């Protein structure tokens, strides 16, 4: 039966999907067009140079919560470091495990403050045993990042396994 479960999990997603939000967000989340437009507008405001726009957008995106996470993923690599910092602060305040991929992806950011925020987020999401130094050499940061992607992959696969087992249990 384990082999069948593993095959079911493998058919649910490939490696790229493991790093996305699909398995973690409620599939019934279904945003209305108005909600999606508001989030998209706030995300755009987060990329602006004007501080007032960014501060308002950051506060609103925090209020909107986990619904904003997939939209934030799209700007997590924005050229403006203040935008990338805001993304990590929003991810921290939302506190949803779905933000972990955004944090892990930022562990090798060019901005040391973004790396520090991302490292704190990863520790919060994956546990205190996470070993990551935002001031380490790039090669060490990349190695830690790759290890954390492995931890993330394992966590998501375990969550998927639990879902498959739950489906099997309810279908009996």
N, C-alpha and C. Protein backbone atom coordinates (compact mmCIF):
# COMPACT_ATOMS: atom_id res chain seq x y z
N UNK A 1 0.83 -1.20 0.00
CA UNK A 1 0.00 0.00 0.00
C UNK A 1 0.87 1.27 0.00
N UNK A 2 2.04 1.24 0.66
CA UNK A 2 2.93 2.40 0.67
C UNK A 2 3.33 2.80 -0.74
N UNK A 3 3.60 1.81 -1.58
CA UNK A 3 3.98 2.08 -2.96
C UNK A 3 2.85 2.81 -3.69
N UNK A 4 1.61 2.38 -3.46
CA UNK A 4 0.47 3.03 -4.10
C UNK A 4 0.31 4.47 -3.61
N UNK A 5 0.53 4.67 -2.33
CA UNK A 5 0.43 6.02 -1.78
C UNK A 5 1.51 6.91 -2.38
N UNK A 6 2.75 6.40 -2.44
CA UNK A 6 3.83 7.18 -3.03
C UNK A 6 3.55 7.52 -4.48
N UNK A 7 2.98 6.58 -5.24
CA UNK A 7 2.62 6.85 -6.63
C UNK A 7 1.55 7.92 -6.72
N UNK A 8 0.58 7.87 -5.80
CA UNK A 8 -0.48 8.88 -5.79
C UNK A 8 0.11 10.26 -5.48
N UNK A 9 1.03 10.30 -4.55
CA UNK A 9 1.67 11.58 -4.20
C UNK A 9 2.46 12.10 -5.39
N UNK A 10 3.24 11.22 -6.02
CA UNK A 10 4.03 11.63 -7.18
C UNK A 10 3.15 12.16 -8.30
N UNK A 11 1.96 11.58 -8.45
CA UNK A 11 1.06 12.04 -9.52
C UNK A 11 0.41 13.38 -9.16
N UNK A 12 0.37 13.72 -7.86
CA UNK A 12 -0.24 14.97 -7.44
C UNK A 12 0.60 16.19 -7.81
N UNK A 13 1.90 16.01 -7.78
CA UNK A 13 2.76 17.16 -8.06
C UNK A 13 4.17 16.71 -8.41
N UNK A 14 4.88 17.57 -9.11
CA UNK A 14 6.29 17.33 -9.37
C UNK A 14 7.11 18.27 -8.48
N UNK A 15 8.41 18.28 -8.64
CA UNK A 15 9.27 19.08 -7.76
C UNK A 15 8.88 20.56 -7.76
N UNK A 16 8.56 21.12 -8.91
CA UNK A 16 8.20 22.53 -8.96
C UNK A 16 6.94 22.81 -8.14
N UNK A 17 5.96 21.92 -8.22
CA UNK A 17 4.73 22.13 -7.47
C UNK A 17 4.96 22.08 -5.97
N UNK A 18 5.94 21.31 -5.54
CA UNK A 18 6.24 21.23 -4.11
C UNK A 18 6.60 22.60 -3.57
N UNK A 19 7.18 23.43 -4.41
CA UNK A 19 7.59 24.75 -3.97
C UNK A 19 6.48 25.78 -4.14
N UNK A 20 5.34 25.36 -4.60
CA UNK A 20 4.23 26.29 -4.77
C UNK A 20 3.28 26.19 -3.59
N UNK A 21 2.19 26.88 -3.70
CA UNK A 21 1.27 26.97 -2.59
C UNK A 21 0.09 26.00 -2.68
N UNK A 22 -0.07 25.35 -3.80
CA UNK A 22 -1.28 24.59 -4.06
C UNK A 22 -1.67 23.60 -2.99
N UNK A 23 -0.71 22.91 -2.40
CA UNK A 23 -1.05 21.91 -1.40
C UNK A 23 -1.33 22.52 -0.03
N UNK A 24 -0.92 23.75 0.17
CA UNK A 24 -1.05 24.34 1.50
C UNK A 24 -2.24 25.25 1.66
N UNK A 25 -2.64 25.88 0.58
CA UNK A 25 -3.78 26.78 0.68
C UNK A 25 -5.06 25.99 0.48
N UNK A 26 -6.08 26.42 1.13
CA UNK A 26 -7.38 25.78 1.01
C UNK A 26 -7.82 25.82 -0.44
N UNK A 27 -8.10 24.66 -1.06
CA UNK A 27 -8.51 24.67 -2.46
C UNK A 27 -9.81 25.43 -2.69
N UNK A 28 -10.59 25.64 -1.64
CA UNK A 28 -11.82 26.39 -1.77
C UNK A 28 -11.63 27.88 -1.55
N UNK A 29 -10.39 28.33 -1.55
CA UNK A 29 -10.08 29.72 -1.25
C UNK A 29 -10.75 30.67 -2.22
N UNK A 30 -10.85 30.30 -3.46
CA UNK A 30 -11.53 31.03 -4.52
C UNK A 30 -11.75 32.51 -4.28
N UNK A 31 -10.85 33.32 -4.75
CA UNK A 31 -10.99 34.77 -4.62
C UNK A 31 -11.99 35.27 -5.65
N UNK A 32 -12.76 36.26 -5.28
CA UNK A 32 -13.61 36.94 -6.26
C UNK A 32 -12.70 37.81 -7.12
N UNK A 33 -13.22 38.26 -8.24
CA UNK A 33 -12.44 39.15 -9.11
C UNK A 33 -12.05 40.42 -8.37
N UNK A 34 -12.96 40.94 -7.55
CA UNK A 34 -12.66 42.16 -6.80
C UNK A 34 -11.53 41.94 -5.80
N UNK A 35 -11.56 40.80 -5.11
CA UNK A 35 -10.50 40.49 -4.14
C UNK A 35 -9.15 40.34 -4.85
N UNK A 36 -9.15 39.61 -5.95
CA UNK A 36 -7.91 39.42 -6.70
C UNK A 36 -7.38 40.75 -7.23
N UNK A 37 -8.29 41.61 -7.70
CA UNK A 37 -7.87 42.93 -8.19
C UNK A 37 -7.29 43.77 -7.07
N UNK A 38 -7.91 43.71 -5.89
CA UNK A 38 -7.39 44.49 -4.76
C UNK A 38 -5.99 44.02 -4.37
N UNK A 39 -5.81 42.71 -4.30
CA UNK A 39 -4.49 42.17 -3.94
C UNK A 39 -3.47 42.58 -4.99
N UNK A 40 -3.82 42.44 -6.26
CA UNK A 40 -2.90 42.81 -7.34
C UNK A 40 -2.54 44.30 -7.27
N UNK A 41 -3.51 45.13 -6.96
CA UNK A 41 -3.25 46.56 -6.83
C UNK A 41 -2.30 46.83 -5.67
N UNK A 42 -2.55 46.19 -4.53
CA UNK A 42 -1.69 46.40 -3.36
C UNK A 42 -0.27 45.89 -3.62
N UNK A 43 -0.15 44.78 -4.33
CA UNK A 43 1.17 44.25 -4.67
C UNK A 43 1.90 45.24 -5.57
N UNK A 44 1.18 45.83 -6.52
CA UNK A 44 1.80 46.85 -7.38
C UNK A 44 2.26 48.05 -6.54
N UNK A 45 1.42 48.48 -5.61
CA UNK A 45 1.78 49.61 -4.76
C UNK A 45 3.03 49.31 -3.92
N UNK A 46 3.20 48.05 -3.59
CA UNK A 46 4.37 47.64 -2.80
C UNK A 46 5.67 47.84 -3.58
N UNK A 47 5.59 47.91 -4.88
CA UNK A 47 6.80 48.06 -5.72
C UNK A 47 7.14 49.51 -6.00
N UNK A 48 6.32 50.44 -5.54
CA UNK A 48 6.54 51.85 -5.86
C UNK A 48 7.64 52.45 -4.99
N UNK A 49 8.26 53.48 -5.51
CA UNK A 49 9.35 54.17 -4.80
C UNK A 49 8.82 54.98 -3.61
N UNK A 50 7.61 55.48 -3.73
CA UNK A 50 7.05 56.35 -2.69
C UNK A 50 6.75 55.55 -1.43
N UNK A 51 7.34 55.96 -0.33
CA UNK A 51 7.23 55.25 0.94
C UNK A 51 5.78 55.11 1.38
N UNK A 52 4.99 56.15 1.24
CA UNK A 52 3.60 56.11 1.70
C UNK A 52 2.83 54.98 1.01
N UNK A 53 3.04 54.82 -0.29
CA UNK A 53 2.35 53.77 -1.03
C UNK A 53 2.76 52.39 -0.51
N UNK A 54 4.06 52.21 -0.31
CA UNK A 54 4.55 50.91 0.15
C UNK A 54 4.04 50.57 1.55
N UNK A 55 4.05 51.55 2.45
CA UNK A 55 3.63 51.32 3.83
C UNK A 55 2.15 50.94 3.87
N UNK A 56 1.32 51.67 3.15
CA UNK A 56 -0.11 51.36 3.09
C UNK A 56 -0.35 49.97 2.51
N UNK A 57 0.35 49.69 1.40
CA UNK A 57 0.18 48.40 0.73
C UNK A 57 0.62 47.26 1.64
N UNK A 58 1.73 47.44 2.33
CA UNK A 58 2.21 46.40 3.24
C UNK A 58 1.18 46.11 4.34
N UNK A 59 0.65 47.16 4.92
CA UNK A 59 -0.35 47.00 5.99
C UNK A 59 -1.59 46.28 5.46
N UNK A 60 -2.04 46.66 4.28
CA UNK A 60 -3.25 46.04 3.73
C UNK A 60 -3.01 44.58 3.36
N UNK A 61 -1.86 44.28 2.79
CA UNK A 61 -1.56 42.89 2.41
C UNK A 61 -1.46 42.00 3.65
N UNK A 62 -0.95 42.54 4.74
CA UNK A 62 -0.93 41.78 6.00
C UNK A 62 -2.35 41.48 6.45
N UNK A 63 -3.25 42.45 6.31
CA UNK A 63 -4.65 42.24 6.68
C UNK A 63 -5.31 41.17 5.81
N UNK A 64 -4.97 41.16 4.54
CA UNK A 64 -5.59 40.20 3.61
C UNK A 64 -5.12 38.77 3.88
N UNK A 65 -3.98 38.63 4.49
CA UNK A 65 -3.51 37.32 4.94
C UNK A 65 -3.05 36.39 3.84
N UNK A 66 -3.25 35.10 4.08
CA UNK A 66 -2.69 34.06 3.22
C UNK A 66 -3.16 34.14 1.78
N UNK A 67 -4.28 34.80 1.53
CA UNK A 67 -4.75 34.97 0.16
C UNK A 67 -3.73 35.75 -0.68
N UNK A 68 -2.92 36.58 -0.04
CA UNK A 68 -1.96 37.40 -0.76
C UNK A 68 -0.67 36.65 -1.11
N UNK A 69 -0.42 35.52 -0.47
CA UNK A 69 0.87 34.84 -0.66
C UNK A 69 1.21 34.51 -2.11
N UNK A 70 0.31 33.93 -2.89
CA UNK A 70 0.69 33.64 -4.28
C UNK A 70 1.03 34.90 -5.07
N UNK A 71 0.40 36.01 -4.74
CA UNK A 71 0.68 37.27 -5.43
C UNK A 71 2.05 37.81 -5.01
N UNK A 72 2.41 37.59 -3.75
CA UNK A 72 3.71 38.06 -3.26
C UNK A 72 4.86 37.28 -3.87
N UNK A 73 4.60 36.02 -4.17
CA UNK A 73 5.65 35.20 -4.79
C UNK A 73 6.12 35.84 -6.09
N UNK A 74 5.20 36.51 -6.79
CA UNK A 74 5.54 37.12 -8.08
C UNK A 74 6.48 38.31 -7.96
N UNK A 75 6.54 38.95 -6.79
CA UNK A 75 7.42 40.11 -6.64
C UNK A 75 8.54 39.87 -5.62
N UNK A 76 8.67 38.65 -5.16
CA UNK A 76 9.68 38.35 -4.15
C UNK A 76 11.10 38.59 -4.66
N UNK A 77 11.28 38.63 -5.96
CA UNK A 77 12.60 38.90 -6.57
C UNK A 77 12.65 40.27 -7.23
N UNK A 78 11.78 41.16 -6.83
CA UNK A 78 11.72 42.50 -7.43
C UNK A 78 13.07 43.20 -7.29
N UNK A 79 13.47 44.00 -8.28
CA UNK A 79 14.77 44.68 -8.21
C UNK A 79 14.92 45.65 -7.03
N UNK A 80 13.82 46.19 -6.52
CA UNK A 80 13.85 47.17 -5.44
C UNK A 80 13.94 46.44 -4.10
N UNK A 81 15.06 46.61 -3.40
CA UNK A 81 15.27 45.86 -2.17
C UNK A 81 14.23 46.18 -1.08
N UNK A 82 13.68 47.40 -1.06
CA UNK A 82 12.66 47.71 -0.06
C UNK A 82 11.38 46.92 -0.31
N UNK A 83 11.10 46.61 -1.57
CA UNK A 83 9.96 45.75 -1.89
C UNK A 83 10.22 44.34 -1.39
N UNK A 84 11.42 43.81 -1.64
CA UNK A 84 11.75 42.46 -1.19
C UNK A 84 11.73 42.36 0.34
N UNK A 85 12.18 43.40 1.02
CA UNK A 85 12.12 43.42 2.48
C UNK A 85 10.67 43.39 2.96
N UNK A 86 9.83 44.20 2.32
CA UNK A 86 8.41 44.25 2.69
C UNK A 86 7.76 42.88 2.49
N UNK A 87 8.11 42.21 1.41
CA UNK A 87 7.55 40.88 1.16
C UNK A 87 7.87 39.95 2.32
N UNK A 88 9.10 39.97 2.80
CA UNK A 88 9.48 39.09 3.91
C UNK A 88 8.78 39.49 5.21
N UNK A 89 8.57 40.78 5.43
CA UNK A 89 7.84 41.21 6.63
C UNK A 89 6.38 40.75 6.55
N UNK A 90 5.80 40.85 5.38
CA UNK A 90 4.40 40.42 5.20
C UNK A 90 4.30 38.92 5.43
N UNK A 91 5.22 38.16 4.85
CA UNK A 91 5.22 36.70 5.03
C UNK A 91 5.31 36.37 6.52
N UNK A 92 6.17 37.08 7.24
CA UNK A 92 6.30 36.83 8.69
C UNK A 92 5.00 37.14 9.42
N UNK A 93 4.40 38.26 9.12
CA UNK A 93 3.18 38.65 9.83
C UNK A 93 2.00 37.76 9.49
N UNK A 94 1.91 37.29 8.26
CA UNK A 94 0.83 36.38 7.89
C UNK A 94 1.00 35.07 8.64
N UNK A 95 2.24 34.59 8.71
CA UNK A 95 2.54 33.41 9.51
C UNK A 95 1.99 32.10 8.98
N UNK A 96 1.58 32.07 7.73
CA UNK A 96 1.05 30.85 7.11
C UNK A 96 2.19 30.05 6.51
N UNK A 97 2.19 28.76 6.73
CA UNK A 97 3.24 27.88 6.21
C UNK A 97 3.42 28.03 4.70
N UNK A 98 2.38 28.47 4.01
CA UNK A 98 2.48 28.71 2.57
C UNK A 98 3.50 29.76 2.20
N UNK A 99 3.95 30.55 3.17
CA UNK A 99 4.97 31.57 2.93
C UNK A 99 6.39 31.02 2.96
N UNK A 100 6.55 29.78 3.40
CA UNK A 100 7.89 29.19 3.51
C UNK A 100 8.66 29.20 2.19
N UNK A 101 8.04 28.85 1.05
CA UNK A 101 8.81 28.88 -0.20
C UNK A 101 9.32 30.28 -0.55
N UNK A 102 8.55 31.31 -0.22
CA UNK A 102 9.01 32.68 -0.49
C UNK A 102 10.23 32.98 0.36
N UNK A 103 10.21 32.54 1.60
CA UNK A 103 11.34 32.77 2.51
C UNK A 103 12.56 31.96 2.08
N UNK A 104 12.38 30.70 1.77
CA UNK A 104 13.51 29.87 1.36
C UNK A 104 14.16 30.43 0.11
N UNK A 105 13.34 30.86 -0.85
CA UNK A 105 13.89 31.40 -2.10
C UNK A 105 14.72 32.66 -1.87
N UNK A 106 14.45 33.38 -0.78
CA UNK A 106 15.16 34.64 -0.52
C UNK A 106 16.42 34.46 0.32
N UNK A 107 16.76 33.24 0.68
CA UNK A 107 17.91 33.01 1.55
C UNK A 107 19.24 33.40 0.92
N UNK A 108 19.27 33.54 -0.38
CA UNK A 108 20.51 33.96 -1.05
C UNK A 108 20.31 35.29 -1.76
N UNK A 109 19.44 36.12 -1.23
CA UNK A 109 19.17 37.44 -1.80
C UNK A 109 20.42 38.30 -1.74
N UNK A 110 20.52 39.25 -2.65
CA UNK A 110 21.68 40.15 -2.66
C UNK A 110 21.68 41.11 -1.47
N UNK A 111 20.53 41.35 -0.88
CA UNK A 111 20.41 42.27 0.26
C UNK A 111 20.51 41.50 1.57
N UNK A 112 21.46 41.87 2.41
CA UNK A 112 21.65 41.11 3.65
C UNK A 112 20.45 41.21 4.60
N UNK A 113 19.72 42.33 4.56
CA UNK A 113 18.54 42.46 5.43
C UNK A 113 17.42 41.53 4.96
N UNK A 114 17.25 41.39 3.65
CA UNK A 114 16.26 40.45 3.12
C UNK A 114 16.64 39.03 3.55
N UNK A 115 17.94 38.70 3.45
CA UNK A 115 18.39 37.36 3.87
C UNK A 115 18.12 37.13 5.35
N UNK A 116 18.36 38.13 6.17
CA UNK A 116 18.12 38.01 7.61
C UNK A 116 16.63 37.77 7.90
N UNK A 117 15.77 38.56 7.26
CA UNK A 117 14.33 38.38 7.44
C UNK A 117 13.88 37.00 6.95
N UNK A 118 14.39 36.61 5.80
CA UNK A 118 14.03 35.30 5.23
C UNK A 118 14.48 34.18 6.16
N UNK A 119 15.67 34.30 6.71
CA UNK A 119 16.17 33.28 7.64
C UNK A 119 15.30 33.16 8.88
N UNK A 120 14.86 34.30 9.41
CA UNK A 120 13.95 34.28 10.57
C UNK A 120 12.62 33.62 10.20
N UNK A 121 12.13 33.91 9.00
CA UNK A 121 10.88 33.31 8.55
C UNK A 121 11.02 31.80 8.42
N UNK A 122 12.11 31.36 7.81
CA UNK A 122 12.32 29.92 7.62
C UNK A 122 12.38 29.22 8.98
N UNK A 123 13.10 29.81 9.93
CA UNK A 123 13.17 29.21 11.27
C UNK A 123 11.79 29.13 11.91
N UNK A 124 10.98 30.16 11.72
CA UNK A 124 9.63 30.16 12.28
C UNK A 124 8.76 29.07 11.64
N UNK A 125 8.91 28.88 10.34
CA UNK A 125 8.08 27.92 9.63
C UNK A 125 8.55 26.48 9.79
N UNK A 126 9.86 26.27 9.77
CA UNK A 126 10.40 24.91 9.74
C UNK A 126 11.00 24.46 11.06
N UNK A 127 11.03 25.34 12.04
CA UNK A 127 11.51 24.94 13.35
C UNK A 127 12.85 25.53 13.70
N UNK A 128 13.12 25.56 14.97
CA UNK A 128 14.32 26.17 15.50
C UNK A 128 15.62 25.47 15.14
N UNK A 129 15.55 24.25 14.64
CA UNK A 129 16.78 23.53 14.32
C UNK A 129 17.37 23.92 12.97
N UNK A 130 16.75 24.85 12.29
CA UNK A 130 17.23 25.30 10.99
C UNK A 130 18.57 25.98 11.17
N UNK A 131 19.54 25.56 10.36
CA UNK A 131 20.87 26.14 10.43
C UNK A 131 21.10 27.00 9.19
N UNK A 132 21.14 28.31 9.41
CA UNK A 132 21.32 29.25 8.30
C UNK A 132 21.95 30.52 8.85
N UNK A 133 22.99 31.00 8.17
CA UNK A 133 23.67 32.22 8.56
C UNK A 133 23.58 33.21 7.41
N UNK A 134 22.81 34.30 7.56
CA UNK A 134 22.66 35.26 6.46
C UNK A 134 23.96 35.97 6.10
N UNK A 135 24.94 35.92 6.99
CA UNK A 135 26.23 36.57 6.74
C UNK A 135 27.28 35.62 6.18
N UNK A 136 26.93 34.36 6.01
CA UNK A 136 27.88 33.37 5.50
C UNK A 136 28.24 33.67 4.04
N UNK A 137 29.31 33.03 3.58
CA UNK A 137 29.68 33.16 2.18
C UNK A 137 28.56 32.61 1.30
N UNK A 138 28.51 33.09 0.07
CA UNK A 138 27.42 32.69 -0.82
C UNK A 138 27.34 31.18 -0.99
N UNK A 139 28.45 30.50 -1.14
CA UNK A 139 28.43 29.05 -1.33
C UNK A 139 27.78 28.35 -0.13
N UNK A 140 28.06 28.85 1.08
CA UNK A 140 27.46 28.27 2.28
C UNK A 140 25.96 28.56 2.35
N UNK A 141 25.58 29.77 1.93
CA UNK A 141 24.15 30.12 1.91
C UNK A 141 23.39 29.25 0.92
N UNK A 142 24.00 29.03 -0.25
CA UNK A 142 23.35 28.20 -1.28
C UNK A 142 23.22 26.76 -0.78
N UNK A 143 24.24 26.26 -0.11
CA UNK A 143 24.18 24.90 0.44
C UNK A 143 23.06 24.80 1.49
N UNK A 144 22.98 25.78 2.37
CA UNK A 144 21.91 25.78 3.38
C UNK A 144 20.55 25.89 2.72
N UNK A 145 20.45 26.72 1.71
CA UNK A 145 19.19 26.88 0.98
C UNK A 145 18.77 25.56 0.34
N UNK A 146 19.70 24.87 -0.29
CA UNK A 146 19.38 23.58 -0.91
C UNK A 146 18.93 22.56 0.13
N UNK A 147 19.57 22.55 1.28
CA UNK A 147 19.15 21.65 2.35
C UNK A 147 17.74 21.99 2.83
N UNK A 148 17.45 23.27 2.92
CA UNK A 148 16.12 23.69 3.37
C UNK A 148 15.05 23.39 2.32
N UNK A 149 15.42 23.47 1.04
CA UNK A 149 14.47 23.02 0.00
C UNK A 149 14.17 21.54 0.19
N UNK A 150 15.18 20.76 0.54
CA UNK A 150 14.96 19.34 0.81
C UNK A 150 14.03 19.13 1.99
N UNK A 151 14.22 19.90 3.04
CA UNK A 151 13.34 19.82 4.22
C UNK A 151 11.91 20.19 3.83
N UNK A 152 11.78 21.25 3.03
CA UNK A 152 10.47 21.67 2.57
C UNK A 152 9.80 20.58 1.72
N UNK A 153 10.56 20.02 0.79
CA UNK A 153 10.03 18.94 -0.06
C UNK A 153 9.50 17.79 0.79
N UNK A 154 10.28 17.41 1.79
CA UNK A 154 9.88 16.31 2.68
C UNK A 154 8.61 16.66 3.45
N UNK A 155 8.55 17.87 3.97
CA UNK A 155 7.38 18.31 4.72
C UNK A 155 6.12 18.27 3.85
N UNK A 156 6.22 18.80 2.65
CA UNK A 156 5.05 18.84 1.76
C UNK A 156 4.65 17.43 1.34
N UNK A 157 5.63 16.58 1.06
CA UNK A 157 5.31 15.19 0.71
C UNK A 157 4.61 14.49 1.87
N UNK A 158 5.05 14.74 3.09
CA UNK A 158 4.38 14.15 4.26
C UNK A 158 2.95 14.66 4.39
N UNK A 159 2.75 15.95 4.12
CA UNK A 159 1.40 16.51 4.17
C UNK A 159 0.53 15.87 3.09
N UNK A 160 1.10 15.70 1.90
CA UNK A 160 0.34 15.07 0.81
C UNK A 160 0.03 13.62 1.16
N UNK A 161 0.98 12.95 1.76
CA UNK A 161 0.77 11.55 2.17
C UNK A 161 -0.39 11.46 3.15
N UNK A 162 -0.44 12.38 4.12
CA UNK A 162 -1.53 12.40 5.09
C UNK A 162 -2.88 12.63 4.40
N UNK A 163 -2.89 13.50 3.39
CA UNK A 163 -4.14 13.75 2.66
C UNK A 163 -4.59 12.51 1.90
N UNK A 164 -3.64 11.82 1.27
CA UNK A 164 -3.99 10.59 0.54
C UNK A 164 -4.52 9.56 1.51
N UNK A 165 -3.86 9.38 2.65
CA UNK A 165 -4.33 8.42 3.64
C UNK A 165 -5.72 8.79 4.16
N UNK A 166 -5.96 10.06 4.36
CA UNK A 166 -7.28 10.51 4.82
C UNK A 166 -8.35 10.20 3.77
N UNK A 167 -8.02 10.39 2.51
CA UNK A 167 -8.98 10.06 1.43
C UNK A 167 -9.27 8.57 1.40
N UNK A 168 -8.22 7.79 1.58
CA UNK A 168 -8.40 6.33 1.58
C UNK A 168 -9.29 5.94 2.76
N UNK A 169 -9.04 6.53 3.92
CA UNK A 169 -9.81 6.20 5.12
C UNK A 169 -11.28 6.59 4.97
N UNK A 170 -11.56 7.71 4.32
CA UNK A 170 -12.95 8.15 4.16
C UNK A 170 -13.67 7.41 3.05
N UNK A 171 -12.92 6.81 2.13
CA UNK A 171 -13.56 6.09 1.03
C UNK A 171 -13.90 4.65 1.39
N UNK A 172 -13.35 4.18 2.51
CA UNK A 172 -13.62 2.79 2.94
C UNK A 172 -14.96 2.65 3.59
